[in-house]
Protein backbone atom coordinates (compact mmCIF):
# COMPACT_ATOMS: atom_id res chain seq x y z
CA MET A 1 8.06 -72.80 16.91
CA HIS A 2 10.56 -69.99 17.16
CA GLN A 3 10.24 -67.58 20.02
CA HIS A 4 9.83 -63.85 20.27
CA THR A 5 9.03 -61.43 23.06
CA PRO A 6 5.92 -59.29 22.75
CA PRO A 7 6.58 -56.08 20.82
CA GLN A 8 7.40 -52.97 22.83
CA ASP A 9 4.23 -51.07 23.88
CA ASP A 10 4.13 -48.88 20.76
CA GLY A 11 5.25 -51.74 18.48
CA SER A 12 8.55 -50.08 17.56
CA SER A 13 10.77 -52.84 18.96
CA ILE A 14 10.67 -56.63 19.18
CA THR A 15 13.12 -59.36 20.23
CA VAL A 16 13.13 -62.50 18.09
CA GLU A 17 15.15 -65.68 17.62
CA PRO A 18 17.24 -66.12 14.46
CA GLY A 19 15.04 -68.93 13.09
CA LEU A 20 11.90 -66.79 12.78
CA ILE A 21 10.85 -65.97 9.19
CA ALA A 22 11.16 -62.21 8.56
CA ALA A 23 7.59 -61.88 7.20
CA GLU A 24 6.31 -63.53 10.38
CA VAL A 25 7.90 -60.74 12.42
CA ASN A 26 5.94 -58.20 10.38
CA LYS A 27 2.74 -60.21 10.96
CA ILE A 28 3.40 -60.19 14.71
CA LEU A 29 3.89 -56.41 14.61
CA ALA A 30 0.69 -55.95 12.55
CA LYS A 31 -1.33 -58.00 15.05
CA HIS A 32 0.14 -55.92 17.89
CA LYS A 33 -0.96 -52.69 16.15
CA THR A 34 -4.49 -54.01 15.61
CA LYS A 35 -4.84 -55.44 19.12
CA HIS A 36 -3.76 -52.18 20.77
CA ASN A 37 -5.33 -49.82 18.21
CA LEU A 38 -2.00 -48.10 17.59
CA PRO A 39 -1.65 -45.27 15.05
CA ILE A 40 1.57 -46.54 13.43
CA GLN A 41 2.19 -49.88 11.69
CA TYR A 42 5.82 -50.83 12.36
CA LYS A 43 7.71 -53.36 10.25
CA ILE A 44 11.27 -54.61 10.39
CA GLY A 45 13.57 -52.31 8.41
CA PRO A 46 14.95 -54.78 5.89
CA ASP A 47 12.56 -55.86 3.15
CA PRO A 48 14.51 -58.39 1.08
CA SER A 49 12.70 -59.99 -1.85
CA SER A 50 12.96 -63.28 0.05
CA ILE A 51 11.15 -61.89 3.12
CA ASP A 52 8.52 -64.68 3.01
CA SER A 53 11.16 -67.39 3.34
CA CYS A 54 14.32 -65.84 4.83
CA MET A 55 15.05 -66.13 8.52
CA ILE A 56 16.10 -63.32 10.82
CA GLY A 57 19.53 -64.96 11.32
CA GLY A 58 20.18 -64.76 7.57
CA VAL A 59 18.87 -61.20 7.39
CA VAL A 60 21.34 -60.19 10.11
CA ALA A 61 24.26 -62.20 8.72
CA ASN A 62 23.84 -60.61 5.28
CA ASN A 63 23.08 -57.08 6.52
CA SER A 64 19.97 -57.33 4.37
CA SER A 65 18.20 -54.32 2.99
CA GLY A 66 15.68 -54.27 0.15
CA MET A 67 14.03 -52.17 -2.50
CA CYS A 68 11.94 -50.07 -0.09
CA CYS A 69 14.32 -49.71 2.85
CA GLY A 70 17.51 -48.87 0.99
CA VAL A 71 20.54 -48.20 3.16
CA SER A 72 18.82 -46.10 5.83
CA GLN A 73 16.75 -49.00 7.15
CA ASN A 74 18.98 -51.97 6.42
CA THR A 75 19.83 -54.44 9.17
CA TYR A 76 22.91 -52.47 10.25
CA HIS A 77 20.78 -49.41 11.01
CA THR A 78 17.75 -51.14 12.57
CA LEU A 79 19.32 -53.78 14.82
CA LYS A 80 19.63 -52.57 18.40
CA ASP A 81 21.59 -55.46 19.90
CA MET A 82 21.98 -59.21 19.73
CA ARG A 83 23.17 -62.24 21.63
CA VAL A 84 25.74 -64.27 19.68
CA VAL A 85 26.69 -67.84 20.59
CA PHE A 86 29.97 -68.78 18.93
CA VAL A 87 30.91 -72.29 17.83
CA ASP A 88 33.07 -72.75 20.96
CA GLY A 89 30.14 -71.87 23.26
CA THR A 90 31.25 -68.30 23.97
CA VAL A 91 28.23 -66.02 24.45
CA LEU A 92 28.42 -62.32 23.60
CA ASP A 93 25.45 -60.11 24.50
CA THR A 94 26.02 -56.78 22.77
CA SER A 95 23.40 -55.07 24.99
CA ASP A 96 25.46 -55.83 28.09
CA ALA A 97 28.62 -53.79 28.75
CA GLU A 98 29.97 -56.50 31.08
CA SER A 99 29.48 -59.17 28.42
CA ARG A 100 31.31 -57.04 25.85
CA GLN A 101 34.16 -56.39 28.29
CA ARG A 102 34.41 -60.04 29.34
CA PHE A 103 34.45 -61.09 25.69
CA LEU A 104 37.24 -58.63 24.98
CA GLN A 105 39.30 -59.77 27.97
CA VAL A 106 38.93 -63.48 27.31
CA TRP A 107 39.16 -63.54 23.53
CA SER A 108 41.32 -60.55 22.72
CA VAL A 109 44.18 -61.47 20.39
CA CYS A 110 45.79 -58.38 18.91
CA GLY A 111 42.47 -56.59 19.43
CA GLY A 112 40.23 -59.28 17.98
CA LEU A 113 39.17 -62.86 17.55
CA CYS A 114 38.73 -65.21 14.63
CA ILE A 115 36.32 -68.11 15.03
CA GLY A 116 35.40 -70.14 11.97
CA GLY A 117 36.22 -67.34 9.53
CA LEU A 118 34.29 -64.72 11.51
CA HIS A 119 36.57 -61.94 12.77
CA VAL A 120 35.35 -60.07 15.85
CA TYR A 121 36.65 -57.08 17.76
CA ILE A 122 35.31 -54.51 20.20
CA GLY A 123 36.20 -50.93 19.38
CA ALA A 124 37.31 -48.28 21.84
CA CYS A 125 33.72 -46.97 21.90
CA GLY A 126 32.52 -50.37 23.15
CA CYS A 127 30.90 -51.20 19.81
CA VAL A 128 31.15 -54.78 18.60
CA HIS A 129 32.34 -55.21 15.01
CA TRP A 130 32.61 -58.39 13.01
CA TRP A 131 33.31 -59.27 9.43
CA ALA A 132 33.39 -62.32 7.25
CA ALA A 133 34.93 -62.73 3.82
CA TYR A 134 32.95 -59.96 2.10
CA GLY A 135 31.85 -57.30 4.53
CA CYS A 136 31.87 -55.73 7.95
CA VAL A 137 29.04 -55.29 10.42
CA SER A 138 29.08 -53.20 13.59
CA LEU A 139 26.76 -53.32 16.57
CA VAL A 140 26.41 -50.92 19.43
């Protein structure tokens, strides 16, 4: 079973592992709304057509969106932070300024890093950016 933390009090935020099915996250949020008699039913922003079978890790990696969410609620705009474990064991927690700085100091090569085809750099603003062969993703 893949783990998640309980949703934030109002149900507007949840922390999940990458192996959790996206539709399951929405079910967890729906149960939270019902249990706490909340006025708003939150869902994850992306609504890809594969939501019943795709995992959060794939949603994030593809910057998924969907027919209802469009660009304004795609993964890029609804992901607050994440912890990334690279193939060499390096851990980057984008919610932690010290982790971002340590990552930059240890792995900085001309302003960035390339591990397994994934290029990573931390901008002057402290934002983490990465891109693969076809696109770029940025995280605060």
